[in-house]
Amino acid sequence: MALTLTEAAEFRLRTFLQASSKDVSQRGIRVAVNDGGCSGYQYSLNITSAPQADDIVIQQGKLQIYIDAQSAPLLEGVVIDFVDGLLESGFKFSNPNATDTCGCGKSFQAGDCTPAGVPCS
């Protein structure tokens, strides 16, 4: 499983982890893909206390990343960056599996297996 965080993304996610709890021994970031968004799939980043039974666990620098088995094929080769600018700040996903993305950059399509999207509001 290849999922990469840029140095900026890793630093920002570690900052969130440290702010959420003093005990970070098992804590990590869950990266997932869910049905939703305006293109069909949307990315999800959450702080979690431990991996689930079917998770793929990746160590990126000082950060544990947990990826559920269903999301793994759609996240293969993804690069997550963090940008901080005047017009836009947040996590950016570069996904080689995406056949199309929406304007907001938070959702994507992945060929024929993509569920129906929900228009952005």
N, C-alpha and C. Protein backbone atom coordinates (compact mmCIF):
# COMPACT_ATOMS: atom_id res chain seq x y z
N MET A 1 0.86 -1.19 0.00
CA MET A 1 0.00 0.00 0.00
C MET A 1 0.89 1.23 0.00
N ALA A 2 0.70 2.06 -1.00
CA ALA A 2 1.49 3.28 -1.11
C ALA A 2 0.59 4.49 -0.97
N LEU A 3 0.70 5.16 0.14
CA LEU A 3 0.04 6.44 0.38
C LEU A 3 1.11 7.33 0.99
N THR A 4 1.27 8.54 0.47
CA THR A 4 2.36 9.40 0.89
C THR A 4 1.82 10.71 1.43
N LEU A 5 2.41 11.15 2.53
CA LEU A 5 2.14 12.48 3.07
C LEU A 5 3.36 13.35 2.79
N THR A 6 3.12 14.57 2.35
CA THR A 6 4.24 15.50 2.25
C THR A 6 4.66 15.87 3.66
N GLU A 7 5.81 16.49 3.78
CA GLU A 7 6.30 16.92 5.09
C GLU A 7 5.31 17.88 5.76
N ALA A 8 4.72 18.77 4.97
CA ALA A 8 3.76 19.74 5.52
C ALA A 8 2.51 19.03 6.04
N ALA A 9 2.01 18.03 5.29
CA ALA A 9 0.81 17.30 5.72
C ALA A 9 1.09 16.49 6.98
N GLU A 10 2.24 15.82 7.03
CA GLU A 10 2.59 15.04 8.22
C GLU A 10 2.68 15.94 9.45
N PHE A 11 3.35 17.08 9.31
CA PHE A 11 3.49 18.01 10.42
C PHE A 11 2.12 18.48 10.92
N ARG A 12 1.25 18.84 9.99
CA ARG A 12 -0.08 19.36 10.37
C ARG A 12 -0.91 18.28 11.06
N LEU A 13 -0.86 17.05 10.55
CA LEU A 13 -1.61 15.96 11.17
C LEU A 13 -1.05 15.61 12.55
N ARG A 14 0.28 15.62 12.71
CA ARG A 14 0.86 15.38 14.04
C ARG A 14 0.44 16.47 15.02
N THR A 15 0.33 17.70 14.54
CA THR A 15 -0.12 18.80 15.39
C THR A 15 -1.55 18.56 15.87
N PHE A 16 -2.42 18.11 14.98
CA PHE A 16 -3.80 17.78 15.37
C PHE A 16 -3.82 16.66 16.41
N LEU A 17 -3.00 15.64 16.21
CA LEU A 17 -2.94 14.52 17.15
C LEU A 17 -2.49 14.98 18.53
N GLN A 18 -1.43 15.77 18.57
CA GLN A 18 -0.89 16.23 19.85
C GLN A 18 -1.88 17.12 20.58
N ALA A 19 -2.64 17.92 19.84
CA ALA A 19 -3.62 18.81 20.46
C ALA A 19 -4.83 18.05 20.98
N SER A 20 -5.10 16.86 20.43
CA SER A 20 -6.29 16.12 20.82
C SER A 20 -6.10 15.26 22.06
N SER A 21 -4.85 14.91 22.41
CA SER A 21 -4.62 14.04 23.54
C SER A 21 -3.15 14.03 23.92
N LYS A 22 -2.90 13.84 25.20
CA LYS A 22 -1.52 13.73 25.68
C LYS A 22 -0.94 12.35 25.36
N ASP A 23 -1.77 11.30 25.39
CA ASP A 23 -1.31 9.94 25.11
C ASP A 23 -1.50 9.64 23.63
N VAL A 24 -0.41 9.67 22.88
CA VAL A 24 -0.49 9.45 21.45
C VAL A 24 0.15 8.13 21.04
N SER A 25 0.32 7.20 21.98
CA SER A 25 1.04 5.96 21.68
C SER A 25 0.35 5.13 20.60
N GLN A 26 -0.97 4.96 20.65
CA GLN A 26 -1.71 4.18 19.66
C GLN A 26 -2.50 5.07 18.69
N ARG A 27 -2.54 6.35 18.98
CA ARG A 27 -3.36 7.23 18.16
C ARG A 27 -2.76 7.43 16.78
N GLY A 28 -3.64 7.60 15.83
CA GLY A 28 -3.19 7.82 14.47
C GLY A 28 -4.26 8.51 13.66
N ILE A 29 -4.03 8.58 12.38
CA ILE A 29 -4.95 9.23 11.46
C ILE A 29 -5.58 8.16 10.57
N ARG A 30 -6.90 8.14 10.51
CA ARG A 30 -7.61 7.24 9.62
C ARG A 30 -7.88 8.00 8.32
N VAL A 31 -7.38 7.44 7.22
CA VAL A 31 -7.63 7.99 5.89
C VAL A 31 -8.60 7.03 5.20
N ALA A 32 -9.69 7.58 4.69
CA ALA A 32 -10.70 6.72 4.08
C ALA A 32 -11.34 7.41 2.89
N VAL A 33 -12.06 6.61 2.13
CA VAL A 33 -12.89 7.10 1.03
C VAL A 33 -14.30 6.64 1.33
N ASN A 34 -15.25 7.57 1.26
CA ASN A 34 -16.66 7.26 1.51
C ASN A 34 -17.49 7.64 0.30
N ASP A 35 -18.64 7.00 0.15
CA ASP A 35 -19.60 7.42 -0.87
C ASP A 35 -20.07 8.81 -0.48
N GLY A 36 -20.12 9.72 -1.44
CA GLY A 36 -20.61 11.06 -1.16
C GLY A 36 -19.84 12.11 -1.94
N GLY A 37 -20.10 13.34 -1.62
CA GLY A 37 -19.49 14.43 -2.35
C GLY A 37 -20.17 14.63 -3.69
N CYS A 38 -19.78 15.65 -4.39
CA CYS A 38 -20.45 15.97 -5.65
C CYS A 38 -19.98 15.09 -6.80
N SER A 39 -18.86 14.37 -6.66
CA SER A 39 -18.40 13.51 -7.74
C SER A 39 -18.64 12.03 -7.49
N GLY A 40 -19.02 11.65 -6.29
CA GLY A 40 -19.33 10.25 -6.00
C GLY A 40 -18.59 9.70 -4.80
N TYR A 41 -17.27 9.95 -4.72
CA TYR A 41 -16.47 9.55 -3.56
C TYR A 41 -15.93 10.81 -2.90
N GLN A 42 -15.79 10.75 -1.58
CA GLN A 42 -15.16 11.86 -0.88
C GLN A 42 -14.11 11.33 0.09
N TYR A 43 -13.09 12.14 0.32
CA TYR A 43 -12.01 11.77 1.22
C TYR A 43 -12.42 12.05 2.66
N SER A 44 -11.85 11.26 3.57
CA SER A 44 -12.12 11.44 4.99
C SER A 44 -10.81 11.32 5.76
N LEU A 45 -10.56 12.26 6.66
CA LEU A 45 -9.42 12.22 7.57
C LEU A 45 -9.97 12.35 8.99
N ASN A 46 -9.62 11.40 9.86
CA ASN A 46 -10.10 11.44 11.24
C ASN A 46 -9.00 10.99 12.18
N ILE A 47 -9.03 11.51 13.38
CA ILE A 47 -8.14 11.05 14.44
C ILE A 47 -8.78 9.81 15.05
N THR A 48 -7.99 8.78 15.28
CA THR A 48 -8.50 7.55 15.87
C THR A 48 -7.55 7.03 16.93
N SER A 49 -8.07 6.27 17.86
CA SER A 49 -7.25 5.82 18.99
C SER A 49 -6.50 4.53 18.70
N ALA A 50 -6.95 3.74 17.75
CA ALA A 50 -6.29 2.46 17.46
C ALA A 50 -6.80 1.93 16.12
N PRO A 51 -6.03 1.06 15.49
CA PRO A 51 -6.49 0.49 14.23
C PRO A 51 -7.63 -0.50 14.44
N GLN A 52 -8.43 -0.68 13.40
CA GLN A 52 -9.46 -1.71 13.42
C GLN A 52 -8.87 -2.99 12.84
N ALA A 53 -9.57 -4.10 13.00
CA ALA A 53 -9.04 -5.42 12.64
C ALA A 53 -8.58 -5.52 11.18
N ASP A 54 -9.31 -4.91 10.24
CA ASP A 54 -8.96 -5.04 8.83
C ASP A 54 -8.14 -3.89 8.28
N ASP A 55 -7.66 -3.00 9.15
CA ASP A 55 -6.90 -1.84 8.70
C ASP A 55 -5.51 -2.20 8.19
N ILE A 56 -5.07 -1.45 7.21
CA ILE A 56 -3.69 -1.46 6.78
C ILE A 56 -3.02 -0.34 7.56
N VAL A 57 -1.90 -0.63 8.20
CA VAL A 57 -1.21 0.36 9.03
C VAL A 57 0.08 0.77 8.33
N ILE A 58 0.24 2.06 8.16
CA ILE A 58 1.43 2.63 7.52
C ILE A 58 2.08 3.58 8.51
N GLN A 59 3.38 3.51 8.64
CA GLN A 59 4.14 4.47 9.44
C GLN A 59 4.72 5.49 8.49
N GLN A 60 4.37 6.75 8.66
CA GLN A 60 4.91 7.83 7.83
C GLN A 60 5.60 8.81 8.76
N GLY A 61 6.92 8.78 8.81
CA GLY A 61 7.65 9.62 9.75
C GLY A 61 7.28 9.20 11.16
N LYS A 62 6.75 10.14 11.94
CA LYS A 62 6.33 9.86 13.32
C LYS A 62 4.83 9.65 13.44
N LEU A 63 4.17 9.37 12.33
CA LEU A 63 2.71 9.30 12.30
C LEU A 63 2.23 7.92 11.86
N GLN A 64 1.25 7.38 12.59
CA GLN A 64 0.59 6.14 12.20
C GLN A 64 -0.61 6.50 11.32
N ILE A 65 -0.71 5.83 10.17
CA ILE A 65 -1.84 6.04 9.28
C ILE A 65 -2.60 4.73 9.18
N TYR A 66 -3.92 4.78 9.37
CA TYR A 66 -4.78 3.60 9.31
C TYR A 66 -5.70 3.74 8.09
N ILE A 67 -5.71 2.70 7.26
CA ILE A 67 -6.53 2.70 6.05
C ILE A 67 -7.37 1.44 6.05
N ASP A 68 -8.70 1.58 5.94
CA ASP A 68 -9.55 0.39 5.91
C ASP A 68 -9.38 -0.32 4.57
N ALA A 69 -9.61 -1.62 4.58
CA ALA A 69 -9.36 -2.46 3.40
C ALA A 69 -10.20 -2.03 2.19
N GLN A 70 -11.42 -1.54 2.40
CA GLN A 70 -12.27 -1.11 1.28
C GLN A 70 -11.74 0.15 0.61
N SER A 71 -11.17 1.05 1.38
CA SER A 71 -10.66 2.31 0.82
C SER A 71 -9.30 2.14 0.16
N ALA A 72 -8.55 1.11 0.54
CA ALA A 72 -7.17 0.95 0.08
C ALA A 72 -7.00 1.01 -1.44
N PRO A 73 -7.81 0.30 -2.24
CA PRO A 73 -7.59 0.38 -3.70
C PRO A 73 -7.77 1.79 -4.27
N LEU A 74 -8.68 2.56 -3.69
CA LEU A 74 -8.93 3.92 -4.18
C LEU A 74 -7.90 4.92 -3.67
N LEU A 75 -7.12 4.51 -2.64
CA LEU A 75 -6.10 5.39 -2.08
C LEU A 75 -4.68 4.99 -2.50
N GLU A 76 -4.55 3.94 -3.28
CA GLU A 76 -3.24 3.48 -3.74
C GLU A 76 -2.56 4.57 -4.57
N GLY A 77 -1.37 5.00 -4.14
CA GLY A 77 -0.61 6.01 -4.87
C GLY A 77 -0.97 7.44 -4.55
N VAL A 78 -1.90 7.67 -3.64
CA VAL A 78 -2.34 9.03 -3.29
C VAL A 78 -1.23 9.78 -2.55
N VAL A 79 -1.09 11.05 -2.87
CA VAL A 79 -0.19 11.95 -2.15
C VAL A 79 -1.07 13.00 -1.48
N ILE A 80 -0.90 13.14 -0.16
CA ILE A 80 -1.66 14.14 0.60
C ILE A 80 -0.70 15.27 0.97
N ASP A 81 -1.09 16.48 0.65
CA ASP A 81 -0.29 17.66 0.95
C ASP A 81 -1.13 18.59 1.81
N PHE A 82 -0.49 19.54 2.47
CA PHE A 82 -1.20 20.59 3.19
C PHE A 82 -0.74 21.91 2.63
N VAL A 83 -1.69 22.71 2.16
CA VAL A 83 -1.36 24.04 1.64
C VAL A 83 -1.96 25.08 2.55
N ASP A 84 -1.23 26.18 2.71
CA ASP A 84 -1.67 27.26 3.57
C ASP A 84 -1.45 28.56 2.81
N GLY A 85 -2.54 29.09 2.27
CA GLY A 85 -2.42 30.29 1.45
C GLY A 85 -3.52 31.28 1.76
N LEU A 86 -3.46 32.42 1.09
CA LEU A 86 -4.44 33.47 1.31
C LEU A 86 -5.83 33.07 0.82
N LEU A 87 -5.91 32.41 -0.30
CA LEU A 87 -7.20 32.05 -0.88
C LEU A 87 -7.67 30.66 -0.49
N GLU A 88 -6.73 29.79 -0.13
CA GLU A 88 -7.11 28.42 0.13
C GLU A 88 -6.13 27.78 1.11
N SER A 89 -6.67 27.10 2.10
CA SER A 89 -5.85 26.35 3.06
C SER A 89 -6.51 25.01 3.31
N GLY A 90 -5.71 23.99 3.49
CA GLY A 90 -6.25 22.68 3.81
C GLY A 90 -5.47 21.56 3.17
N PHE A 91 -5.99 20.36 3.33
CA PHE A 91 -5.35 19.17 2.78
C PHE A 91 -5.75 19.01 1.32
N LYS A 92 -4.76 18.68 0.49
CA LYS A 92 -4.96 18.47 -0.94
C LYS A 92 -4.59 17.03 -1.26
N PHE A 93 -5.44 16.36 -2.01
CA PHE A 93 -5.23 14.97 -2.40
C PHE A 93 -4.90 14.91 -3.88
N SER A 94 -3.78 14.28 -4.20
CA SER A 94 -3.43 13.98 -5.59
C SER A 94 -3.61 12.49 -5.77
N ASN A 95 -4.64 12.12 -6.53
CA ASN A 95 -5.03 10.72 -6.63
C ASN A 95 -4.89 10.22 -8.07
N PRO A 96 -3.94 9.30 -8.31
CA PRO A 96 -3.78 8.77 -9.66
C PRO A 96 -4.95 7.88 -10.10
N ASN A 97 -5.80 7.45 -9.17
CA ASN A 97 -6.95 6.60 -9.48
C ASN A 97 -8.17 7.40 -9.91
N ALA A 98 -8.15 8.70 -9.70
CA ALA A 98 -9.30 9.55 -10.00
C ALA A 98 -9.41 9.76 -11.51
N THR A 99 -10.60 9.48 -12.04
CA THR A 99 -10.85 9.75 -13.46
C THR A 99 -11.44 11.13 -13.65
N ASP A 100 -11.94 11.73 -12.57
CA ASP A 100 -12.46 13.10 -12.59
C ASP A 100 -12.53 13.59 -11.16
N THR A 101 -12.42 14.89 -10.96
CA THR A 101 -12.56 15.48 -9.63
C THR A 101 -13.52 16.65 -9.72
N CYS A 102 -14.10 17.01 -8.59
CA CYS A 102 -14.99 18.16 -8.59
C CYS A 102 -14.17 19.43 -8.35
N GLY A 103 -14.78 20.55 -8.55
CA GLY A 103 -14.09 21.83 -8.41
C GLY A 103 -13.55 22.10 -7.02
N CYS A 104 -14.21 21.57 -6.00
CA CYS A 104 -13.76 21.83 -4.63
C CYS A 104 -12.54 20.98 -4.26
N GLY A 105 -12.26 19.92 -5.03
CA GLY A 105 -11.12 19.07 -4.75
C GLY A 105 -11.31 18.08 -3.62
N LYS A 106 -12.50 18.01 -3.08
CA LYS A 106 -12.78 17.12 -1.95
C LYS A 106 -13.42 15.81 -2.37
N SER A 107 -13.83 15.71 -3.63
CA SER A 107 -14.45 14.46 -4.08
C SER A 107 -13.95 14.11 -5.47
N PHE A 108 -14.16 12.84 -5.84
CA PHE A 108 -13.63 12.37 -7.12
C PHE A 108 -14.44 11.21 -7.66
N GLN A 109 -14.22 10.90 -8.92
CA GLN A 109 -14.79 9.72 -9.56
C GLN A 109 -13.64 8.75 -9.85
N ALA A 110 -13.97 7.47 -9.89
CA ALA A 110 -12.96 6.45 -10.18
C ALA A 110 -13.54 5.46 -11.19
N GLY A 111 -13.80 5.93 -12.38
CA GLY A 111 -14.31 5.06 -13.43
C GLY A 111 -15.73 4.61 -13.19
N ASP A 112 -16.05 3.41 -13.67
CA ASP A 112 -17.41 2.89 -13.63
C ASP A 112 -17.90 2.50 -12.24
N CYS A 113 -16.99 2.35 -11.28
CA CYS A 113 -17.42 1.90 -9.95
C CYS A 113 -17.88 3.04 -9.07
N THR A 114 -17.87 4.27 -9.56
CA THR A 114 -18.22 5.44 -8.76
C THR A 114 -19.72 5.51 -8.48
N PRO A 115 -20.11 5.72 -7.21
CA PRO A 115 -21.53 5.91 -6.92
C PRO A 115 -22.01 7.28 -7.42
N ALA A 116 -23.30 7.49 -7.43
CA ALA A 116 -23.88 8.75 -7.88
C ALA A 116 -23.45 9.88 -6.94
N GLY A 117 -23.11 11.01 -7.51
CA GLY A 117 -22.69 12.16 -6.72
C GLY A 117 -23.88 12.97 -6.24
N VAL A 118 -23.62 13.84 -5.28
CA VAL A 118 -24.62 14.74 -4.73
C VAL A 118 -24.14 16.17 -5.04
N PRO A 119 -24.97 17.00 -5.69
CA PRO A 119 -24.52 18.34 -6.05
C PRO A 119 -24.00 19.13 -4.84
N CYS A 120 -22.94 19.91 -5.08
CA CYS A 120 -22.40 20.77 -4.02
C CYS A 120 -23.44 21.82 -3.64
N SER A 121 -23.49 22.15 -2.37
CA SER A 121 -24.46 23.17 -1.93
C SER A 121 -23.74 24.46 -1.63
